[in-house]
Amino acid sequence: NDILISIIILPIGISFLSDREPGLLLGNDIGCTAWVYLWYTTVSLSIFFVICLSLSRTISLLAPFRHQQIKHLIIAVTIYLVLQLLMSMGYNFLDGAKIMFHKVYMRCDIYFFGNPSKVILLTLQICDDLIYVAPAFVVTISCIISAVLLTKRNGAMHQTALHRSRNRATITILLFALLYGE
């Protein structure tokens, strides 16, 4: 997914090198619209993948012998992807909404002209914000649970020095992730 984000951001770099001109892809309505949907979907999907990794790590620590099924992950990612696309397209159907290139930001985005319904606009904005804010809470709680479980396991007598060392390293990484990643 990170490679896809890097590829999707290339038109912005080309725009930057072309004196903030939109270029071939961002210069037409179809390319601009496709770029907006791809951009918001891949960025939010990347955040969702972090949640999935965090939760699977916590589940592995809570129930080490439980087999996690890939089909559950595929179903969750598919549902999330569909919801994200519906949210992105929901903005586009509001009265006065237009996807266009903005020279200052050097990217396409959704802009509103006219008078869209404030209730619908606020609802969409809250849902859109939840896509980026809610994962922070899930990942934070998962990291705390993982750190506590690993700390408790460090005290176990049957662990080798290598296991205790790995647990301490994992706890350190989790704490740095909590401190700097959120």
N, C-alpha and C. Protein backbone atom coordinates (compact mmCIF):
# COMPACT_ATOMS: atom_id res chain seq x y z
N ASN A 1 0.83 -1.19 0.00
CA ASN A 1 0.00 0.00 0.00
C ASN A 1 0.88 1.26 0.00
N ASP A 2 2.01 1.22 0.71
CA ASP A 2 2.88 2.39 0.74
C ASP A 2 3.49 2.67 -0.63
N ILE A 3 3.75 1.61 -1.38
CA ILE A 3 4.26 1.79 -2.75
C ILE A 3 3.20 2.45 -3.61
N LEU A 4 1.94 2.05 -3.44
CA LEU A 4 0.84 2.65 -4.19
C LEU A 4 0.70 4.14 -3.84
N ILE A 5 0.83 4.47 -2.56
CA ILE A 5 0.77 5.88 -2.15
C ILE A 5 1.91 6.67 -2.80
N SER A 6 3.10 6.08 -2.84
CA SER A 6 4.24 6.76 -3.46
C SER A 6 4.01 6.99 -4.94
N ILE A 7 3.37 6.04 -5.61
CA ILE A 7 3.07 6.20 -7.04
C ILE A 7 1.99 7.26 -7.24
N ILE A 8 0.97 7.24 -6.38
CA ILE A 8 -0.14 8.19 -6.51
C ILE A 8 0.33 9.63 -6.27
N ILE A 9 1.35 9.81 -5.45
CA ILE A 9 1.83 11.16 -5.14
C ILE A 9 2.71 11.74 -6.26
N LEU A 10 3.15 10.89 -7.18
CA LEU A 10 4.01 11.36 -8.27
C LEU A 10 3.44 12.54 -9.08
N PRO A 11 2.14 12.54 -9.43
CA PRO A 11 1.61 13.70 -10.17
C PRO A 11 1.76 15.03 -9.41
N ILE A 12 1.76 14.99 -8.09
CA ILE A 12 1.96 16.22 -7.31
C ILE A 12 3.41 16.67 -7.46
N GLY A 13 4.34 15.74 -7.43
CA GLY A 13 5.74 16.08 -7.65
C GLY A 13 5.97 16.65 -9.03
N ILE A 14 5.33 16.06 -10.02
CA ILE A 14 5.44 16.57 -11.39
C ILE A 14 4.86 17.97 -11.47
N SER A 15 3.74 18.20 -10.79
CA SER A 15 3.13 19.53 -10.76
C SER A 15 4.06 20.54 -10.10
N PHE A 16 4.72 20.12 -9.04
CA PHE A 16 5.65 21.00 -8.34
C PHE A 16 6.82 21.39 -9.25
N LEU A 17 7.32 20.44 -10.01
CA LEU A 17 8.43 20.71 -10.93
C LEU A 17 8.00 21.46 -12.18
N SER A 18 6.70 21.54 -12.42
CA SER A 18 6.17 22.23 -13.61
C SER A 18 5.53 23.56 -13.25
N ASP A 19 6.10 24.26 -12.29
CA ASP A 19 5.59 25.58 -11.86
C ASP A 19 4.13 25.52 -11.44
N ARG A 20 3.78 24.48 -10.72
CA ARG A 20 2.44 24.29 -10.15
C ARG A 20 1.33 24.15 -11.20
N GLU A 21 1.68 23.68 -12.36
CA GLU A 21 0.69 23.39 -13.39
C GLU A 21 0.19 21.96 -13.18
N PRO A 22 -1.10 21.69 -13.49
CA PRO A 22 -1.67 20.38 -13.16
C PRO A 22 -1.08 19.19 -13.92
N GLY A 23 -0.55 19.40 -15.07
CA GLY A 23 0.00 18.28 -15.82
C GLY A 23 -1.08 17.47 -16.50
N LEU A 24 -0.69 16.36 -17.09
CA LEU A 24 -1.60 15.55 -17.90
C LEU A 24 -2.67 14.87 -17.05
N LEU A 25 -2.29 14.23 -15.96
CA LEU A 25 -3.26 13.48 -15.15
C LEU A 25 -4.20 14.40 -14.37
N LEU A 26 -3.65 15.37 -13.66
CA LEU A 26 -4.47 16.24 -12.82
C LEU A 26 -5.12 17.38 -13.59
N GLY A 27 -4.80 17.50 -14.87
CA GLY A 27 -5.33 18.60 -15.67
C GLY A 27 -6.69 18.34 -16.29
N ASN A 28 -7.22 17.14 -16.16
CA ASN A 28 -8.56 16.88 -16.71
C ASN A 28 -9.47 16.34 -15.61
N ASP A 29 -10.77 16.43 -15.85
CA ASP A 29 -11.76 16.07 -14.81
C ASP A 29 -11.68 14.60 -14.41
N ILE A 30 -11.54 13.71 -15.38
CA ILE A 30 -11.52 12.28 -15.07
C ILE A 30 -10.27 11.92 -14.27
N GLY A 31 -9.13 12.40 -14.70
CA GLY A 31 -7.88 12.13 -13.99
C GLY A 31 -7.88 12.71 -12.59
N CYS A 32 -8.40 13.93 -12.47
CA CYS A 32 -8.45 14.61 -11.17
C CYS A 32 -9.39 13.85 -10.21
N THR A 33 -10.55 13.44 -10.71
CA THR A 33 -11.50 12.70 -9.88
C THR A 33 -10.93 11.35 -9.46
N ALA A 34 -10.33 10.65 -10.40
CA ALA A 34 -9.73 9.35 -10.08
C ALA A 34 -8.62 9.52 -9.04
N TRP A 35 -7.81 10.57 -9.20
CA TRP A 35 -6.71 10.80 -8.26
C TRP A 35 -7.25 11.05 -6.86
N VAL A 36 -8.30 11.87 -6.73
CA VAL A 36 -8.87 12.17 -5.41
C VAL A 36 -9.36 10.90 -4.73
N TYR A 37 -10.12 10.08 -5.45
CA TYR A 37 -10.63 8.84 -4.86
C TYR A 37 -9.50 7.90 -4.49
N LEU A 38 -8.52 7.75 -5.36
CA LEU A 38 -7.38 6.88 -5.07
C LEU A 38 -6.59 7.38 -3.87
N TRP A 39 -6.35 8.69 -3.83
CA TRP A 39 -5.55 9.26 -2.74
C TRP A 39 -6.20 9.03 -1.39
N TYR A 40 -7.45 9.46 -1.24
CA TYR A 40 -8.11 9.33 0.06
C TYR A 40 -8.31 7.86 0.45
N THR A 41 -8.57 7.02 -0.52
CA THR A 41 -8.78 5.60 -0.22
C THR A 41 -7.48 4.94 0.22
N THR A 42 -6.39 5.17 -0.48
CA THR A 42 -5.13 4.50 -0.12
C THR A 42 -4.57 5.02 1.21
N VAL A 43 -4.70 6.30 1.47
CA VAL A 43 -4.20 6.85 2.75
C VAL A 43 -5.00 6.27 3.91
N SER A 44 -6.32 6.27 3.80
CA SER A 44 -7.13 5.73 4.90
C SER A 44 -6.95 4.22 5.03
N LEU A 45 -6.74 3.53 3.90
CA LEU A 45 -6.50 2.09 3.95
C LEU A 45 -5.17 1.78 4.63
N SER A 46 -4.19 2.62 4.43
CA SER A 46 -2.91 2.45 5.11
C SER A 46 -3.10 2.56 6.62
N ILE A 47 -3.90 3.50 7.04
CA ILE A 47 -4.20 3.66 8.47
C ILE A 47 -4.94 2.42 8.99
N PHE A 48 -5.86 1.91 8.19
CA PHE A 48 -6.62 0.72 8.59
C PHE A 48 -5.71 -0.50 8.71
N PHE A 49 -4.71 -0.61 7.84
CA PHE A 49 -3.76 -1.72 7.93
C PHE A 49 -2.97 -1.67 9.23
N VAL A 50 -2.66 -0.46 9.69
CA VAL A 50 -1.96 -0.33 10.98
C VAL A 50 -2.86 -0.86 12.10
N ILE A 51 -4.15 -0.57 12.03
CA ILE A 51 -5.09 -1.10 13.02
C ILE A 51 -5.08 -2.63 12.98
N CYS A 52 -5.15 -3.19 11.78
CA CYS A 52 -5.18 -4.64 11.63
C CYS A 52 -3.92 -5.28 12.21
N LEU A 53 -2.76 -4.70 11.92
CA LEU A 53 -1.51 -5.23 12.47
C LEU A 53 -1.48 -5.13 13.99
N SER A 54 -1.92 -4.01 14.50
CA SER A 54 -1.92 -3.79 15.94
C SER A 54 -2.85 -4.78 16.64
N LEU A 55 -4.04 -4.96 16.08
CA LEU A 55 -4.99 -5.89 16.69
C LEU A 55 -4.52 -7.33 16.58
N SER A 56 -3.93 -7.71 15.46
CA SER A 56 -3.46 -9.09 15.33
C SER A 56 -2.30 -9.36 16.29
N ARG A 57 -1.44 -8.37 16.53
CA ARG A 57 -0.37 -8.53 17.51
C ARG A 57 -0.95 -8.73 18.91
N THR A 58 -1.94 -7.93 19.25
CA THR A 58 -2.56 -8.04 20.57
C THR A 58 -3.27 -9.38 20.73
N ILE A 59 -3.97 -9.82 19.69
CA ILE A 59 -4.65 -11.12 19.76
C ILE A 59 -3.62 -12.24 19.93
N SER A 60 -2.50 -12.13 19.23
CA SER A 60 -1.44 -13.15 19.35
C SER A 60 -0.86 -13.19 20.76
N LEU A 61 -0.78 -12.05 21.41
CA LEU A 61 -0.27 -12.02 22.78
C LEU A 61 -1.30 -12.52 23.78
N LEU A 62 -2.58 -12.19 23.53
CA LEU A 62 -3.63 -12.63 24.44
C LEU A 62 -3.91 -14.13 24.31
N ALA A 63 -3.92 -14.62 23.08
CA ALA A 63 -4.21 -16.04 22.82
C ALA A 63 -3.17 -16.57 21.83
N PRO A 64 -1.99 -16.91 22.32
CA PRO A 64 -0.90 -17.27 21.41
C PRO A 64 -1.15 -18.50 20.55
N PHE A 65 -2.04 -19.38 20.97
CA PHE A 65 -2.27 -20.61 20.21
C PHE A 65 -3.51 -20.53 19.33
N ARG A 66 -4.15 -19.38 19.32
CA ARG A 66 -5.34 -19.21 18.49
C ARG A 66 -4.92 -18.84 17.08
N HIS A 67 -5.46 -19.56 16.11
CA HIS A 67 -5.14 -19.32 14.71
C HIS A 67 -6.02 -18.16 14.19
N GLN A 68 -5.38 -17.13 13.68
CA GLN A 68 -6.12 -16.01 13.12
C GLN A 68 -6.36 -16.29 11.64
N GLN A 69 -7.60 -16.18 11.24
CA GLN A 69 -7.96 -16.53 9.87
C GLN A 69 -7.85 -15.32 8.95
N ILE A 70 -7.23 -15.55 7.81
CA ILE A 70 -7.03 -14.49 6.83
C ILE A 70 -8.35 -14.01 6.23
N LYS A 71 -9.36 -14.89 6.19
CA LYS A 71 -10.64 -14.47 5.60
C LYS A 71 -11.29 -13.35 6.42
N HIS A 72 -11.08 -13.35 7.74
CA HIS A 72 -11.63 -12.27 8.56
C HIS A 72 -10.97 -10.94 8.22
N LEU A 73 -9.67 -10.99 7.99
CA LEU A 73 -8.95 -9.77 7.59
C LEU A 73 -9.43 -9.28 6.23
N ILE A 74 -9.59 -10.18 5.29
CA ILE A 74 -10.04 -9.81 3.94
C ILE A 74 -11.45 -9.21 3.99
N ILE A 75 -12.32 -9.80 4.79
CA ILE A 75 -13.68 -9.26 4.92
C ILE A 75 -13.64 -7.86 5.54
N ALA A 76 -12.85 -7.67 6.59
CA ALA A 76 -12.75 -6.36 7.25
C ALA A 76 -12.19 -5.31 6.30
N VAL A 77 -11.13 -5.66 5.55
CA VAL A 77 -10.54 -4.70 4.62
C VAL A 77 -11.51 -4.36 3.50
N THR A 78 -12.24 -5.35 3.00
CA THR A 78 -13.22 -5.11 1.93
C THR A 78 -14.33 -4.18 2.40
N ILE A 79 -14.87 -4.45 3.59
CA ILE A 79 -15.93 -3.58 4.13
C ILE A 79 -15.42 -2.17 4.33
N TYR A 80 -14.22 -2.04 4.88
CA TYR A 80 -13.64 -0.72 5.11
C TYR A 80 -13.42 0.02 3.79
N LEU A 81 -12.92 -0.70 2.79
CA LEU A 81 -12.67 -0.09 1.49
C LEU A 81 -13.95 0.41 0.84
N VAL A 82 -15.00 -0.39 0.91
CA VAL A 82 -16.30 0.02 0.34
C VAL A 82 -16.84 1.24 1.08
N LEU A 83 -16.78 1.22 2.41
CA LEU A 83 -17.26 2.38 3.19
C LEU A 83 -16.46 3.64 2.88
N GLN A 84 -15.15 3.50 2.74
CA GLN A 84 -14.31 4.65 2.44
C GLN A 84 -14.65 5.22 1.06
N LEU A 85 -14.84 4.36 0.08
CA LEU A 85 -15.21 4.83 -1.26
C LEU A 85 -16.57 5.51 -1.25
N LEU A 86 -17.52 4.96 -0.51
CA LEU A 86 -18.84 5.59 -0.40
C LEU A 86 -18.74 6.96 0.25
N MET A 87 -17.90 7.07 1.29
CA MET A 87 -17.70 8.37 1.94
C MET A 87 -17.10 9.37 0.96
N SER A 88 -16.08 8.96 0.23
CA SER A 88 -15.43 9.87 -0.71
C SER A 88 -16.40 10.31 -1.80
N MET A 89 -17.20 9.37 -2.28
CA MET A 89 -18.14 9.72 -3.34
C MET A 89 -19.32 10.52 -2.80
N GLY A 90 -19.62 10.37 -1.50
CA GLY A 90 -20.72 11.12 -0.91
C GLY A 90 -20.53 12.62 -1.02
N TYR A 91 -19.31 13.08 -0.86
CA TYR A 91 -19.02 14.51 -1.01
C TYR A 91 -19.33 14.98 -2.42
N ASN A 92 -19.00 14.18 -3.38
CA ASN A 92 -19.12 14.58 -4.78
C ASN A 92 -20.56 14.77 -5.22
N PHE A 93 -21.52 14.16 -4.51
CA PHE A 93 -22.91 14.26 -4.91
C PHE A 93 -23.65 15.42 -4.23
N LEU A 94 -22.96 16.17 -3.40
CA LEU A 94 -23.60 17.34 -2.79
C LEU A 94 -23.73 18.46 -3.80
N ASP A 95 -24.76 19.26 -3.63
CA ASP A 95 -24.95 20.40 -4.53
C ASP A 95 -23.78 21.36 -4.41
N GLY A 96 -23.22 21.74 -5.52
CA GLY A 96 -22.13 22.69 -5.54
C GLY A 96 -20.76 22.07 -5.35
N ALA A 97 -20.68 20.75 -5.24
CA ALA A 97 -19.37 20.09 -5.06
C ALA A 97 -18.71 19.91 -6.41
N LYS A 98 -17.41 20.18 -6.44
CA LYS A 98 -16.66 20.01 -7.67
C LYS A 98 -15.23 19.59 -7.32
N ILE A 99 -14.75 18.58 -8.04
CA ILE A 99 -13.37 18.16 -7.86
C ILE A 99 -12.54 18.93 -8.88
N MET A 100 -11.53 19.62 -8.37
CA MET A 100 -10.69 20.42 -9.26
C MET A 100 -9.28 20.56 -8.71
N PHE A 101 -8.37 20.96 -9.57
CA PHE A 101 -6.98 21.14 -9.20
C PHE A 101 -6.80 22.49 -8.52
N HIS A 102 -6.04 22.51 -7.44
CA HIS A 102 -5.75 23.74 -6.72
C HIS A 102 -4.26 24.01 -6.84
N LYS A 103 -3.89 25.15 -7.42
CA LYS A 103 -2.48 25.44 -7.70
C LYS A 103 -1.64 25.62 -6.44
N VAL A 104 -2.22 26.15 -5.37
CA VAL A 104 -1.46 26.38 -4.15
C VAL A 104 -1.08 25.04 -3.51
N TYR A 105 -2.05 24.13 -3.43
CA TYR A 105 -1.80 22.82 -2.81
C TYR A 105 -1.23 21.81 -3.80
N MET A 106 -1.25 22.14 -5.07
CA MET A 106 -0.74 21.31 -6.17
C MET A 106 -1.39 19.94 -6.21
N ARG A 107 -2.66 19.88 -5.92
CA ARG A 107 -3.37 18.60 -5.98
C ARG A 107 -4.84 18.85 -6.24
N CYS A 108 -5.52 17.79 -6.61
CA CYS A 108 -6.96 17.86 -6.80
C CYS A 108 -7.64 17.62 -5.46
N ASP A 109 -8.76 18.26 -5.27
CA ASP A 109 -9.53 18.05 -4.06
C ASP A 109 -10.98 18.44 -4.34
N ILE A 110 -11.84 18.16 -3.37
CA ILE A 110 -13.26 18.48 -3.51
C ILE A 110 -13.49 19.86 -2.93
N TYR A 111 -14.10 20.73 -3.74
CA TYR A 111 -14.41 22.10 -3.30
C TYR A 111 -15.90 22.32 -3.43
N PHE A 112 -16.42 23.19 -2.58
CA PHE A 112 -17.86 23.44 -2.58
C PHE A 112 -18.14 24.87 -3.03
N PHE A 113 -19.03 24.96 -3.97
CA PHE A 113 -19.51 26.25 -4.47
C PHE A 113 -21.01 26.24 -4.29
N GLY A 114 -21.56 27.33 -3.89
CA GLY A 114 -22.99 27.36 -3.67
C GLY A 114 -23.32 27.10 -2.22
N ASN A 115 -24.45 26.44 -1.98
CA ASN A 115 -24.97 26.25 -0.64
C ASN A 115 -25.32 24.79 -0.36
N PRO A 116 -24.33 23.95 -0.04
CA PRO A 116 -24.68 22.56 0.29
C PRO A 116 -25.36 22.50 1.65
N SER A 117 -26.15 21.47 1.85
CA SER A 117 -26.84 21.28 3.12
C SER A 117 -25.82 21.18 4.25
N LYS A 118 -25.96 22.03 5.26
CA LYS A 118 -25.01 22.06 6.36
C LYS A 118 -25.06 20.78 7.19
N VAL A 119 -26.24 20.19 7.35
CA VAL A 119 -26.37 18.96 8.13
C VAL A 119 -25.64 17.81 7.43
N ILE A 120 -25.86 17.67 6.13
CA ILE A 120 -25.20 16.60 5.38
C ILE A 120 -23.70 16.83 5.34
N LEU A 121 -23.29 18.08 5.12
CA LEU A 121 -21.88 18.40 5.07
C LEU A 121 -21.19 18.12 6.42
N LEU A 122 -21.85 18.48 7.51
CA LEU A 122 -21.30 18.22 8.84
C LEU A 122 -21.23 16.72 9.13
N THR A 123 -22.26 15.98 8.73
CA THR A 123 -22.26 14.52 8.93
C THR A 123 -21.12 13.88 8.17
N LEU A 124 -20.94 14.26 6.91
CA LEU A 124 -19.84 13.72 6.12
C LEU A 124 -18.49 14.09 6.71
N GLN A 125 -18.37 15.31 7.20
CA GLN A 125 -17.10 15.76 7.79
C GLN A 125 -16.78 14.98 9.07
N ILE A 126 -17.78 14.74 9.90
CA ILE A 126 -17.57 13.97 11.13
C ILE A 126 -17.15 12.55 10.79
N CYS A 127 -17.84 11.93 9.84
CA CYS A 127 -17.48 10.56 9.43
C CYS A 127 -16.08 10.53 8.84
N ASP A 128 -15.74 11.53 8.05
CA ASP A 128 -14.41 11.60 7.45
C ASP A 128 -13.34 11.77 8.52
N ASP A 129 -13.61 12.59 9.52
CA ASP A 129 -12.65 12.79 10.61
C ASP A 129 -12.48 11.52 11.44
N LEU A 130 -13.58 10.78 11.62
CA LEU A 130 -13.50 9.54 12.39
C LEU A 130 -12.59 8.52 11.72
N ILE A 131 -12.53 8.54 10.41
CA ILE A 131 -11.66 7.61 9.67
C ILE A 131 -10.21 7.83 10.06
N TYR A 132 -9.84 9.07 10.38
CA TYR A 132 -8.45 9.37 10.72
C TYR A 132 -8.18 9.44 12.22
N VAL A 133 -9.21 9.68 13.03
CA VAL A 133 -9.02 9.85 14.47
C VAL A 133 -9.25 8.54 15.23
N ALA A 134 -10.28 7.81 14.89
CA ALA A 134 -10.62 6.57 15.61
C ALA A 134 -9.47 5.56 15.64
N PRO A 135 -8.73 5.39 14.54
CA PRO A 135 -7.62 4.43 14.60
C PRO A 135 -6.60 4.73 15.68
N ALA A 136 -6.39 5.99 15.98
CA ALA A 136 -5.41 6.34 17.01
C ALA A 136 -5.80 5.74 18.35
N PHE A 137 -7.08 5.74 18.67
CA PHE A 137 -7.53 5.17 19.94
C PHE A 137 -7.37 3.65 19.95
N VAL A 138 -7.74 3.01 18.84
CA VAL A 138 -7.63 1.55 18.76
C VAL A 138 -6.16 1.12 18.88
N VAL A 139 -5.29 1.79 18.14
CA VAL A 139 -3.87 1.43 18.16
C VAL A 139 -3.26 1.72 19.54
N THR A 140 -3.64 2.82 20.15
CA THR A 140 -3.12 3.16 21.48
C THR A 140 -3.51 2.11 22.50
N ILE A 141 -4.78 1.74 22.52
CA ILE A 141 -5.24 0.73 23.47
C ILE A 141 -4.54 -0.60 23.20
N SER A 142 -4.41 -0.97 21.94
CA SER A 142 -3.74 -2.22 21.58
C SER A 142 -2.27 -2.20 22.01
N CYS A 143 -1.60 -1.07 21.81
CA CYS A 143 -0.19 -0.96 22.22
C CYS A 143 -0.04 -1.07 23.73
N ILE A 144 -0.94 -0.45 24.47
CA ILE A 144 -0.88 -0.51 25.93
C ILE A 144 -1.09 -1.94 26.42
N ILE A 145 -2.10 -2.62 25.85
CA ILE A 145 -2.35 -4.01 26.23
C ILE A 145 -1.13 -4.87 25.91
N SER A 146 -0.56 -4.68 24.73
CA SER A 146 0.62 -5.46 24.33
C SER A 146 1.80 -5.20 25.26
N ALA A 147 2.03 -3.94 25.61
CA ALA A 147 3.14 -3.61 26.50
C ALA A 147 2.94 -4.22 27.88
N VAL A 148 1.72 -4.18 28.39
CA VAL A 148 1.44 -4.77 29.71
C VAL A 148 1.64 -6.28 29.67
N LEU A 149 1.14 -6.94 28.63
CA LEU A 149 1.30 -8.39 28.51
C LEU A 149 2.77 -8.78 28.40
N LEU A 150 3.52 -8.03 27.61
CA LEU A 150 4.94 -8.34 27.46
C LEU A 150 5.71 -8.08 28.75
N THR A 151 5.33 -7.05 29.49
CA THR A 151 5.98 -6.76 30.76
C THR A 151 5.73 -7.89 31.76
N LYS A 152 4.49 -8.38 31.79
CA LYS A 152 4.17 -9.50 32.68
C LYS A 152 4.93 -10.75 32.29
N ARG A 153 5.08 -10.98 31.00
CA ARG A 153 5.78 -12.18 30.54
C ARG A 153 7.28 -12.09 30.81
N ASN A 154 7.81 -10.88 30.89
CA ASN A 154 9.24 -10.73 31.20
C ASN A 154 9.57 -11.30 32.56
N GLY A 155 8.62 -11.30 33.47
CA GLY A 155 8.85 -11.80 34.82
C GLY A 155 8.75 -13.32 34.91
N ALA A 156 8.32 -13.97 33.86
CA ALA A 156 8.17 -15.43 33.89
C ALA A 156 9.54 -16.09 34.01
N MET A 157 9.61 -17.08 34.84
CA MET A 157 10.89 -17.74 35.13
C MET A 157 11.36 -18.63 33.98
N HIS A 158 10.44 -19.18 33.21
CA HIS A 158 10.82 -20.14 32.18
C HIS A 158 11.32 -19.49 30.89
N GLN A 159 11.35 -18.18 30.82
CA GLN A 159 11.82 -17.51 29.62
C GLN A 159 13.34 -17.42 29.62
N THR A 160 13.89 -17.58 28.43
CA THR A 160 15.33 -17.43 28.29
C THR A 160 15.69 -15.96 28.25
N ALA A 161 16.95 -15.68 28.37
CA ALA A 161 17.42 -14.29 28.33
C ALA A 161 17.09 -13.67 26.97
N LEU A 162 17.15 -14.48 25.91
CA LEU A 162 16.83 -13.99 24.57
C LEU A 162 15.37 -13.56 24.48
N HIS A 163 14.46 -14.37 25.05
CA HIS A 163 13.05 -14.00 25.04
C HIS A 163 12.81 -12.70 25.81
N ARG A 164 13.42 -12.61 26.99
CA ARG A 164 13.24 -11.39 27.79
C ARG A 164 13.80 -10.18 27.06
N SER A 165 14.92 -10.35 26.38
CA SER A 165 15.53 -9.26 25.62
C SER A 165 14.61 -8.83 24.47
N ARG A 166 14.05 -9.80 23.77
CA ARG A 166 13.13 -9.48 22.67
C ARG A 166 11.87 -8.78 23.19
N ASN A 167 11.35 -9.24 24.31
CA ASN A 167 10.18 -8.60 24.90
C ASN A 167 10.47 -7.16 25.28
N ARG A 168 11.65 -6.92 25.88
CA ARG A 168 12.02 -5.53 26.24
C ARG A 168 12.15 -4.67 24.99
N ALA A 169 12.72 -5.22 23.94
CA ALA A 169 12.87 -4.47 22.69
C ALA A 169 11.49 -4.15 22.10
N THR A 170 10.59 -5.13 22.14
CA THR A 170 9.24 -4.90 21.62
C THR A 170 8.51 -3.85 22.44
N ILE A 171 8.65 -3.89 23.76
CA ILE A 171 8.03 -2.89 24.62
C ILE A 171 8.58 -1.50 24.30
N THR A 172 9.89 -1.40 24.10
CA THR A 172 10.49 -0.11 23.76
C THR A 172 9.93 0.41 22.45
N ILE A 173 9.81 -0.46 21.45
CA ILE A 173 9.27 -0.04 20.16
C ILE A 173 7.82 0.41 20.31
N LEU A 174 7.02 -0.34 21.09
CA LEU A 174 5.63 0.04 21.32
C LEU A 174 5.53 1.40 21.99
N LEU A 175 6.37 1.64 22.98
CA LEU A 175 6.33 2.93 23.68
C LEU A 175 6.74 4.08 22.77
N PHE A 176 7.76 3.85 21.92
CA PHE A 176 8.15 4.88 20.95
C PHE A 176 7.01 5.11 19.94
N ALA A 177 6.34 4.03 19.53
CA ALA A 177 5.22 4.18 18.61
C ALA A 177 4.11 4.99 19.24
N LEU A 178 3.85 4.75 20.50
CA LEU A 178 2.81 5.52 21.20
C LEU A 178 3.22 6.98 21.34
N LEU A 179 4.48 7.21 21.64
CA LEU A 179 4.94 8.56 21.88
C LEU A 179 5.02 9.38 20.59
N TYR A 180 5.59 8.80 19.55
CA TYR A 180 5.84 9.56 18.33
C TYR A 180 4.87 9.25 17.19
N GLY A 181 4.25 8.07 17.20
CA GLY A 181 3.42 7.67 16.07
C GLY A 181 2.02 8.22 16.14
N GLU A 182 1.53 8.52 17.28
CA GLU A 182 0.15 8.99 17.40
C GLU A 182 0.19 10.46 17.23
